[in-house]
C-alpha atoms as a PDB file:
ATOM      1  CA  MET A   1      11.677  11.435   8.209  1.00  0.00           C
ATOM      2  CA  SER A   2       9.783  14.393   9.640  1.00  0.00           C
ATOM      3  CA  GLY A   3       6.201  15.021  10.746  1.00  0.00           C
ATOM      4  CA  ALA A   4       3.007  13.153   9.965  1.00  0.00           C
ATOM      5  CA  LEU A   5       1.975  13.150   6.313  1.00  0.00           C
ATOM      6  CA  LEU A   6      -1.081  10.901   6.675  1.00  0.00           C
ATOM      7  CA  GLU A   7      -3.117  11.154   9.883  1.00  0.00           C
ATOM      8  CA  VAL A   8      -5.829   8.657  10.815  1.00  0.00           C
ATOM      9  CA  ARG A   9      -8.025   9.436  13.806  1.00  0.00           C
ATOM     10  CA  GLY A  10     -10.755   7.350  15.441  1.00  0.00           C
ATOM     11  CA  LEU A  11     -11.327   5.041  12.488  1.00  0.00           C
ATOM     12  CA  THR A  12     -14.377   2.890  13.263  1.00  0.00           C
ATOM     13  CA  LYS A  13     -16.223   0.345  11.126  1.00  0.00           C
ATOM     14  CA  HIS A  14     -18.912  -2.174  12.099  1.00  0.00           C
ATOM     15  CA  TYR A  15     -20.315  -5.163  10.222  1.00  0.00           C
ATOM     16  CA  LEU A  16     -23.654  -6.442  11.504  1.00  0.00           C
ATOM     17  CA  GLY A  17     -22.922  -4.996  14.904  1.00  0.00           C
ATOM     18  CA  LEU A  18     -19.394  -6.398  15.137  1.00  0.00           C
ATOM     19  CA  ALA A  19     -16.496  -3.946  15.258  1.00  0.00           C
ATOM     20  CA  ALA A  20     -14.010  -4.515  12.432  1.00  0.00           C
ATOM     21  CA  LEU A  21     -12.267  -1.299  13.534  1.00  0.00           C
ATOM     22  CA  ASP A  22     -12.766   0.252  16.950  1.00  0.00           C
ATOM     23  CA  ASP A  23     -11.438   3.807  17.314  1.00  0.00           C
ATOM     24  CA  VAL A  24      -8.130   3.162  15.526  1.00  0.00           C
ATOM     25  CA  SER A  25      -5.674   6.059  15.203  1.00  0.00           C
ATOM     26  CA  TYR A  26      -2.203   6.156  13.687  1.00  0.00           C
ATOM     27  CA  ASP A  27       0.118   8.476  11.762  1.00  0.00           C
ATOM     28  CA  VAL A  28       2.270   7.868   8.720  1.00  0.00           C
ATOM     29  CA  ARG A  29       5.320  10.098   8.735  1.00  0.00           C
ATOM     30  CA  GLN A  30       6.800  11.798   5.715  1.00  0.00           C
ATOM     31  CA  GLY A  31       9.337   9.518   4.041  1.00  0.00           C
ATOM     32  CA  GLU A  32       8.796   6.389   6.102  1.00  0.00           C
ATOM     33  CA  ILE A  33       7.728   2.847   5.341  1.00  0.00           C
ATOM     34  CA  LEU A  34       5.011   1.947   7.841  1.00  0.00           C
ATOM     35  CA  GLY A  35       4.008  -1.672   8.330  1.00  0.00           C
ATOM     36  CA  LEU A  36       0.451  -2.579   9.299  1.00  0.00           C
ATOM     37  CA  ILE A  37       0.153  -6.109  10.661  1.00  0.00           C
ATOM     38  CA  GLY A  38      -2.111  -8.279  12.772  1.00  0.00           C
ATOM     39  CA  PRO A  39      -3.667 -11.734  12.804  1.00  0.00           C
ATOM     40  CA  ASN A  40      -6.579 -12.622  10.529  1.00  0.00           C
ATOM     41  CA  GLY A  41      -9.618 -10.522  11.320  1.00  0.00           C
ATOM     42  CA  SER A  42      -7.596  -7.793  13.009  1.00  0.00           C
ATOM     43  CA  GLY A  43      -8.879  -5.017  10.718  1.00  0.00           C
ATOM     44  CA  LYS A  44      -5.829  -4.407   8.500  1.00  0.00           C
ATOM     45  CA  SER A  45      -7.635  -4.677   5.187  1.00  0.00           C
ATOM     46  CA  THR A  46     -10.668  -2.770   6.441  1.00  0.00           C
ATOM     47  CA  SER A  47      -8.406   0.048   7.565  1.00  0.00           C
ATOM     48  CA  ILE A  48      -6.764   0.548   4.192  1.00  0.00           C
ATOM     49  CA  ASP A  49     -10.052   0.049   2.343  1.00  0.00           C
ATOM     50  CA  CYS A  50     -11.544   2.903   4.382  1.00  0.00           C
ATOM     51  CA  ILE A  51      -8.684   5.362   4.012  1.00  0.00           C
ATOM     52  CA  SER A  52      -8.474   4.694   0.239  1.00  0.00           C
ATOM     53  CA  GLY A  53     -12.232   5.178  -0.204  1.00  0.00           C
ATOM     54  CA  PHE A  54     -13.205   1.616  -1.114  1.00  0.00           C
ATOM     55  CA  GLN A  55     -15.246   1.212   2.062  1.00  0.00           C
ATOM     56  CA  ARG A  56     -17.150   3.839   4.001  1.00  0.00           C
ATOM     57  CA  ALA A  57     -16.129   4.189   7.637  1.00  0.00           C
ATOM     58  CA  ASP A  58     -18.813   4.609  10.282  1.00  0.00           C
ATOM     59  CA  PHE A  59     -16.737   7.181  12.168  1.00  0.00           C
ATOM     60  CA  GLY A  60     -13.311   8.724  12.015  1.00  0.00           C
ATOM     61  CA  ALA A  61     -11.233  11.226  10.097  1.00  0.00           C
ATOM     62  CA  TRP A  62      -8.127  10.939   7.976  1.00  0.00           C
ATOM     63  CA  SER A  63      -6.141  13.527   6.093  1.00  0.00           C
ATOM     64  CA  LEU A  64      -3.164  13.778   3.774  1.00  0.00           C
ATOM     65  CA  ASP A  65      -0.913  16.723   4.541  1.00  0.00           C
ATOM     66  CA  GLY A  66      -3.847  18.499   6.184  1.00  0.00           C
ATOM     67  CA  GLN A  67      -6.368  17.789   3.406  1.00  0.00           C
ATOM     68  CA  SER A  68      -9.318  15.707   4.589  1.00  0.00           C
ATOM     69  CA  LEU A  69      -9.870  12.516   2.605  1.00  0.00           C
ATOM     70  CA  ALA A  70     -12.849  11.222   4.604  1.00  0.00           C
ATOM     71  CA  GLY A  71     -15.880  10.587   2.440  1.00  0.00           C
ATOM     72  CA  LEU A  72     -14.089  11.102  -0.874  1.00  0.00           C
ATOM     73  CA  ALA A  73     -14.414   8.668  -3.768  1.00  0.00           C
ATOM     74  CA  PRO A  74     -11.347   6.485  -4.479  1.00  0.00           C
ATOM     75  CA  TYR A  75     -10.381   8.411  -7.622  1.00  0.00           C
ATOM     76  CA  ARG A  76     -10.446  11.704  -5.709  1.00  0.00           C
ATOM     77  CA  ILE A  77      -8.287  10.228  -2.976  1.00  0.00           C
ATOM     78  CA  ALA A  78      -5.848   8.994  -5.628  1.00  0.00           C
ATOM     79  CA  ARG A  79      -5.704  12.436  -7.233  1.00  0.00           C
ATOM     80  CA  ALA A  80      -5.078  13.946  -3.788  1.00  0.00           C
ATOM     81  CA  GLY A  81      -1.920  11.832  -3.596  1.00  0.00           C
ATOM     82  CA  LEU A  82      -2.797   8.469  -2.000  1.00  0.00           C
ATOM     83  CA  THR A  83      -2.792   5.413  -4.267  1.00  0.00           C
ATOM     84  CA  ARG A  84      -2.841   1.694  -3.551  1.00  0.00           C
ATOM     85  CA  THR A  85      -2.421  -1.818  -4.840  1.00  0.00           C
ATOM     86  CA  PHE A  86      -4.771  -4.725  -4.198  1.00  0.00           C
ATOM     87  CA  GLN A  87      -4.261  -8.211  -2.838  1.00  0.00           C
ATOM     88  CA  THR A  88      -5.787  -9.562  -6.057  1.00  0.00           C
ATOM     89  CA  VAL A  89      -3.543  -8.322  -8.856  1.00  0.00           C
ATOM     90  CA  ARG A  90      -5.387  -6.520 -11.638  1.00  0.00           C
ATOM     91  CA  ALA A  91      -4.066  -6.014 -15.158  1.00  0.00           C
ATOM     92  CA  TYR A  92      -5.323  -5.666 -18.721  1.00  0.00           C
ATOM     93  CA  ASP A  93      -3.953  -8.916 -20.100  1.00  0.00           C
ATOM     94  CA  GLN A  94      -4.259  -8.016 -23.798  1.00  0.00           C
ATOM     95  CA  LEU A  95      -2.455  -4.694 -23.374  1.00  0.00           C
ATOM     96  CA  SER A  96       1.295  -4.365 -23.144  1.00  0.00           C
ATOM     97  CA  LEU A  97       2.954  -3.549 -19.848  1.00  0.00           C
ATOM     98  CA  LEU A  98       3.607  -0.002 -21.025  1.00  0.00           C
ATOM     99  CA  GLU A  99      -0.017   0.382 -22.151  1.00  0.00           C
ATOM    100  CA  ASN A 100      -1.194  -0.829 -18.735  1.00  0.00           C
ATOM    101  CA  LEU A 101       0.820   1.948 -17.106  1.00  0.00           C
ATOM    102  CA  GLN A 102      -0.489   4.512 -19.583  1.00  0.00           C
ATOM    103  CA  VAL A 103      -4.042   3.490 -18.655  1.00  0.00           C
ATOM    104  CA  ALA A 104      -3.140   3.958 -14.983  1.00  0.00           C
ATOM    105  CA  ALA A 105      -1.877   7.454 -15.815  1.00  0.00           C
ATOM    106  CA  GLN A 106      -5.082   8.335 -17.677  1.00  0.00           C
ATOM    107  CA  GLN A 107      -7.184   7.280 -14.690  1.00  0.00           C
ATOM    108  CA  GLY A 108      -5.416   9.828 -12.551  1.00  0.00           C
ATOM    109  CA  ASP A 109      -4.815  12.801 -14.844  1.00  0.00           C
ATOM    110  CA  GLY A 110      -8.352  14.232 -14.757  1.00  0.00           C
ATOM    111  CA  ALA A 111      -8.515  14.839 -18.503  1.00  0.00           C
ATOM    112  CA  GLY A 112     -12.028  15.302 -19.870  1.00  0.00           C
ATOM    113  CA  TRP A 113     -13.585  13.527 -22.833  1.00  0.00           C
ATOM    114  CA  TRP A 114     -13.423  16.695 -24.914  1.00  0.00           C
ATOM    115  CA  GLN A 115      -9.646  16.881 -24.492  1.00  0.00           C
ATOM    116  CA  ALA A 116      -9.358  13.290 -25.735  1.00  0.00           C
ATOM    117  CA  LEU A 117     -11.687  14.034 -28.642  1.00  0.00           C
ATOM    118  CA  MET A 118      -9.848  17.201 -29.691  1.00  0.00           C
ATOM    119  CA  ARG A 119      -6.386  15.745 -29.041  1.00  0.00           C
ATOM    120  CA  SER A 120      -5.361  18.956 -27.325  1.00  0.00           C
ATOM    121  CA  PRO A 121      -1.661  19.848 -27.023  1.00  0.00           C
ATOM    122  CA  GLY A 122      -1.933  19.410 -23.262  1.00  0.00           C
ATOM    123  CA  LEU A 123      -3.243  15.885 -23.676  1.00  0.00           C
ATOM    124  CA  ARG A 124      -0.494  14.953 -26.146  1.00  0.00           C
ATOM    125  CA  ARG A 125       2.102  16.300 -23.718  1.00  0.00           C
ATOM    126  CA  ARG A 126       0.649  14.219 -20.874  1.00  0.00           C
ATOM    127  CA  GLU A 127       0.703  11.138 -23.089  1.00  0.00           C
ATOM    128  CA  ARG A 128       4.400  11.651 -23.845  1.00  0.00           C
ATOM    129  CA  GLU A 129       5.120  12.178 -20.166  1.00  0.00           C
ATOM    130  CA  ALA A 130       3.147   9.046 -19.251  1.00  0.00           C
ATOM    131  CA  GLU A 131       5.128   6.955 -21.729  1.00  0.00           C
ATOM    132  CA  GLU A 132       8.434   8.285 -20.384  1.00  0.00           C
ATOM    133  CA  ARG A 133       7.402   7.700 -16.787  1.00  0.00           C
ATOM    134  CA  GLY A 134       6.037   4.256 -17.589  1.00  0.00           C
ATOM    135  CA  ARG A 135       9.311   3.183 -19.185  1.00  0.00           C
ATOM    136  CA  ALA A 136      11.281   4.560 -16.240  1.00  0.00           C
ATOM    137  CA  LEU A 137       9.092   2.719 -13.725  1.00  0.00           C
ATOM    138  CA  LEU A 138       9.315  -0.540 -15.658  1.00  0.00           C
ATOM    139  CA  ALA A 139      13.092  -0.187 -15.451  1.00  0.00           C
ATOM    140  CA  THR A 140      12.855   0.510 -11.713  1.00  0.00           C
ATOM    141  CA  VAL A 141      10.842  -2.637 -11.004  1.00  0.00           C
ATOM    142  CA  GLY A 142      12.892  -4.786 -13.384  1.00  0.00           C
ATOM    143  CA  LEU A 143      10.397  -5.227 -16.222  1.00  0.00           C
ATOM    144  CA  ALA A 144      11.914  -2.942 -18.872  1.00  0.00           C
ATOM    145  CA  ASP A 145      12.666  -5.874 -21.189  1.00  0.00           C
ATOM    146  CA  HIS A 146       8.957  -6.742 -21.248  1.00  0.00           C
ATOM    147  CA  ALA A 147       7.586  -3.235 -21.899  1.00  0.00           C
ATOM    148  CA  GLY A 148       5.985  -4.250 -25.203  1.00  0.00           C
ATOM    149  CA  ALA A 149       4.804  -7.691 -24.124  1.00  0.00           C
ATOM    150  CA  PRO A 150       1.171  -8.349 -23.189  1.00  0.00           C
ATOM    151  CA  ALA A 151       0.520  -8.559 -19.456  1.00  0.00           C
ATOM    152  CA  ALA A 152      -0.896 -12.052 -20.009  1.00  0.00           C
ATOM    153  CA  VAL A 153       2.648 -13.472 -20.256  1.00  0.00           C
ATOM    154  CA  LEU A 154       3.716 -12.278 -16.803  1.00  0.00           C
ATOM    155  CA  SER A 155       4.248 -14.576 -13.865  1.00  0.00           C
ATOM    156  CA  TYR A 156       2.324 -13.869 -10.664  1.00  0.00           C
ATOM    157  CA  GLY A 157       5.331 -12.175  -9.088  1.00  0.00           C
ATOM    158  CA  GLN A 158       5.864 -10.026 -12.181  1.00  0.00           C
ATOM    159  CA  ARG A 159       2.214  -8.974 -11.991  1.00  0.00           C
ATOM    160  CA  LYS A 160       2.910  -7.752  -8.465  1.00  0.00           C
ATOM    161  CA  LEU A 161       5.750  -5.648  -9.866  1.00  0.00           C
ATOM    162  CA  LEU A 162       3.492  -4.239 -12.595  1.00  0.00           C
ATOM    163  CA  ALA A 163       0.936  -3.286  -9.930  1.00  0.00           C
ATOM    164  CA  ILE A 164       3.634  -1.474  -7.959  1.00  0.00           C
ATOM    165  CA  ALA A 165       4.653   0.449 -11.085  1.00  0.00           C
ATOM    166  CA  ALA A 166       1.007   1.320 -11.853  1.00  0.00           C
ATOM    167  CA  SER A 167       0.493   2.671  -8.337  1.00  0.00           C
ATOM    168  CA  MET A 168       3.410   5.054  -8.921  1.00  0.00           C
ATOM    169  CA  MET A 169       2.261   6.525 -12.248  1.00  0.00           C
ATOM    170  CA  ALA A 170       0.381   9.476 -10.722  1.00  0.00           C
ATOM    171  CA  ARG A 171       3.436  10.507  -8.649  1.00  0.00           C
ATOM    172  CA  PRO A 172       1.653   9.824  -5.332  1.00  0.00           C
ATOM    173  CA  ARG A 173       2.861  11.021  -1.962  1.00  0.00           C
ATOM    174  CA  VAL A 174       1.629   7.906  -0.123  1.00  0.00           C
ATOM    175  CA  VAL A 175       1.224   4.410  -1.587  1.00  0.00           C
ATOM    176  CA  VAL A 176      -0.616   1.634   0.255  1.00  0.00           C
ATOM    177  CA  PHE A 177       0.496  -1.897  -0.613  1.00  0.00           C
ATOM    178  CA  ASP A 178      -1.985  -4.698   0.155  1.00  0.00           C
ATOM    179  CA  GLU A 179      -0.105  -7.997   0.518  1.00  0.00           C
ATOM    180  CA  PRO A 180       2.703  -7.145  -1.950  1.00  0.00           C
ATOM    181  CA  VAL A 181       4.589 -10.424  -1.446  1.00  0.00           C
ATOM    182  CA  ALA A 182       1.711 -12.841  -0.810  1.00  0.00           C
ATOM    183  CA  GLY A 183       2.071 -15.965  -2.933  1.00  0.00           C
ATOM    184  CA  VAL A 184       5.468 -15.146  -4.440  1.00  0.00           C
ATOM    185  CA  ASN A 185       8.724 -17.071  -4.111  1.00  0.00           C
ATOM    186  CA  PRO A 186      11.559 -16.000  -1.780  1.00  0.00           C
ATOM    187  CA  THR A 187      13.661 -14.587  -4.618  1.00  0.00           C
ATOM    188  CA  MET A 188      10.794 -12.348  -5.732  1.00  0.00           C
ATOM    189  CA  VAL A 189      10.148 -11.332  -2.105  1.00  0.00           C
ATOM    190  CA  ARG A 190      13.708 -10.011  -1.905  1.00  0.00           C
ATOM    191  CA  HIS A 191      13.338  -8.265  -5.258  1.00  0.00           C
ATOM    192  CA  ILE A 192      10.079  -6.552  -4.234  1.00  0.00           C
ATOM    193  CA  GLU A 193      11.682  -5.456  -0.966  1.00  0.00           C
ATOM    194  CA  ALA A 194      14.557  -3.881  -2.925  1.00  0.00           C
ATOM    195  CA  VAL A 195      12.116  -2.117  -5.265  1.00  0.00           C
ATOM    196  CA  ILE A 196      10.175  -0.626  -2.340  1.00  0.00           C
ATOM    197  CA  ARG A 197      13.382   0.559  -0.715  1.00  0.00           C
ATOM    198  CA  ARG A 198      14.482   2.173  -3.982  1.00  0.00           C
ATOM    199  CA  LEU A 199      11.177   4.013  -4.416  1.00  0.00           C
ATOM    200  CA  ASN A 200      11.231   5.085  -0.781  1.00  0.00           C
ATOM    201  CA  GLY A 201      14.721   6.446  -1.343  1.00  0.00           C
ATOM    202  CA  ASP A 202      13.192   8.684  -4.017  1.00  0.00           C
ATOM    203  CA  GLY A 203      10.940  10.216  -1.362  1.00  0.00           C
ATOM    204  CA  VAL A 204       7.718   8.174  -1.577  1.00  0.00           C
ATOM    205  CA  THR A 205       5.984   7.242   1.687  1.00  0.00           C
ATOM    206  CA  PHE A 206       4.547   3.734   2.023  1.00  0.00           C
ATOM    207  CA  VAL A 207       2.023   1.830   4.115  1.00  0.00           C
ATOM    208  CA  VAL A 208       2.512  -1.923   3.766  1.00  0.00           C
ATOM    209  CA  VAL A 209      -0.109  -4.469   4.846  1.00  0.00           C
ATOM    210  CA  GLU A 210       1.312  -7.967   4.822  1.00  0.00           C
ATOM    211  CA  HIS A 211       0.905 -11.357   6.543  1.00  0.00           C
ATOM    212  CA  ASN A 212       4.626 -12.028   6.130  1.00  0.00           C
ATOM    213  CA  VAL A 213       5.770 -10.585   9.447  1.00  0.00           C
ATOM    214  CA  ASP A 214       9.485 -11.155   8.788  1.00  0.00           C
ATOM    215  CA  PHE A 215       9.169  -9.152   5.558  1.00  0.00           C
ATOM    216  CA  ILE A 216       7.517  -6.278   7.461  1.00  0.00           C
ATOM    217  CA  LEU A 217      10.045  -6.291  10.302  1.00  0.00           C
ATOM    218  CA  ASN A 218      12.976  -6.295   7.851  1.00  0.00           C
ATOM    219  CA  LEU A 219      11.562  -3.593   5.566  1.00  0.00           C
ATOM    220  CA  CYS A 220       9.660  -1.084   7.663  1.00  0.00           C
ATOM    221  CA  HIS A 221      10.851   1.834   9.742  1.00  0.00           C
ATOM    222  CA  ARG A 222       7.863   1.510  12.078  1.00  0.00           C
ATOM    223  CA  VAL A 223       5.082  -1.011  12.617  1.00  0.00           C
ATOM    224  CA  VAL A 224       1.466  -0.665  13.784  1.00  0.00           C
ATOM    225  CA  VAL A 225      -0.181  -3.828  15.099  1.00  0.00           C
ATOM    226  CA  LEU A 226      -3.938  -4.403  15.137  1.00  0.00           C
ATOM    227  CA  GLU A 227      -5.893  -7.085  16.959  1.00  0.00           C
ATOM    228  CA  SER A 228      -9.680  -7.513  16.866  1.00  0.00           C
ATOM    229  CA  GLY A 229     -10.096  -4.043  15.407  1.00  0.00           C
ATOM    230  CA  ARG A 230      -7.948  -2.225  17.977  1.00  0.00           C
ATOM    231  CA  LYS A 231      -4.400  -0.905  17.852  1.00  0.00           C
ATOM    232  CA  ILE A 232      -2.285  -2.791  20.379  1.00  0.00           C
ATOM    233  CA  ALA A 233       1.234  -1.646  19.468  1.00  0.00           C
ATOM    234  CA  ASP A 234       3.070   1.042  17.505  1.00  0.00           C
ATOM    235  CA  GLY A 235       6.840   1.238  17.351  1.00  0.00           C
ATOM    236  CA  ALA A 236      10.157   0.271  15.807  1.00  0.00           C
ATOM    237  CA  PRO A 237      10.486  -3.302  14.460  1.00  0.00           C
ATOM    238  CA  ALA A 238      12.914  -4.294  17.223  1.00  0.00           C
ATOM    239  CA  LEU A 239      10.346  -3.356  19.862  1.00  0.00           C
ATOM    240  CA  ILE A 240       7.431  -4.956  18.014  1.00  0.00           C
ATOM    241  CA  ARG A 241       9.333  -8.218  17.658  1.00  0.00           C
ATOM    242  CA  SER A 242       9.493  -8.673  21.443  1.00  0.00           C
ATOM    243  CA  ASP A 243       6.267  -6.923  22.514  1.00  0.00           C
ATOM    244  CA  PRO A 244       4.286  -9.373  24.711  1.00  0.00           C
ATOM    245  CA  ARG A 245       0.974  -7.991  23.402  1.00  0.00           C
ATOM    246  CA  VAL A 246       2.034  -8.795  19.842  1.00  0.00           C
ATOM    247  CA  LEU A 247       3.269 -12.260  20.787  1.00  0.00           C
ATOM    248  CA  ALA A 248      -0.013 -12.939  22.530  1.00  0.00           C
ATOM    249  CA  ALA A 249      -1.997 -11.754  19.517  1.00  0.00           C
ATOM    250  CA  TYR A 250      -0.149 -14.052  17.130  1.00  0.00           C
ATOM    251  CA  LEU A 251       0.619 -17.020  19.387  1.00  0.00           C
ATOM    252  CA  GLY A 252      -2.112 -16.891  22.000  1.00  0.00           C
ATOM    253  CA  LYS A 253      -1.400 -16.367  25.693  1.00  0.00           C
ATOM    254  CA  SER A 254       0.130 -19.777  26.337  1.00  0.00           C
ATOM    255  CA  GLY A 255       2.315 -19.540  23.235  1.00  0.00           C
ATOM    256  CA  ALA A 256       3.535 -16.089  24.202  1.00  0.00           C
ATOM    257  CA  GLU A 257       4.350 -17.276  27.696  1.00  0.00           C
ATOM    258  CA  ALA A 258       6.281 -20.241  26.325  1.00  0.00           C
ATOM    259  CA  ALA A 259       8.250 -17.954  23.997  1.00  0.00           C
ATOM    260  CA  ALA A 260       9.058 -15.585  26.860  1.00  0.00           C
ATOM    261  CA  GLN A 261      10.193 -18.470  29.098  1.00  0.00           C
ATOM    262  CA  SER A 262      12.377 -19.827  26.288  1.00  0.00           C
ATOM    263  CA  GLU A 263      14.068 -16.446  25.807  1.00  0.00           C
ATOM    264  CA  GLY A 264      14.528 -16.029  29.547  1.00  0.00           C
ATOM    265  CA  GLY A 265      15.902 -19.479  30.145  1.00  0.00           C
END
């Protein structure tokens, strides 16, 4: 891991006068898996919605490798190299898994309608490349045997895997995962963790938002903690696990004090 790839500075967002994000800043370093956690209402989802273009921030700046992303539409942010998944899994149920990934590739390749109409050589080449990449990604996430099956037959956990593969089709530099293991069984949690590690080993940088704190602390190189729209901690999982500010945020003051007394006694 080296310097910052994604920089977020002063991110601020209000709803009806209430601060969902209040001057939040953090970096995502090249090659790392960054966890973003916090209790309900802490601003996690708002943060990733803003940096991926799905919500407009009131103030702040964020950039990918020096290129400003603030104010760009989601598709432009994706083409710049930052893609994401969503807490609610989206798929075209009547299309095969491979076709779903090919659609994801088309959304990010910038081809115009005239290229599709004329079936240009460049378009045909991109289609071949998309099919090859789609098959490779299905193998990576463990769905190769279902490449030709309609997405409708997938379990919820398998849909999560398909979403991960789709987020990778455009060869992004940073991928944001929104609740990648929410609602899945422990076996699938372990499988998704292994998939993320494998993709990270290939050089992709990740930001992971997740309520499953144990999953985050086991997977991530570094963790940022939000509470009530403010950043309260930023560090290695071992430090986050015992940070009194984090314990207080999740357990309340009395709970944090009881935990500290238990460890000390």
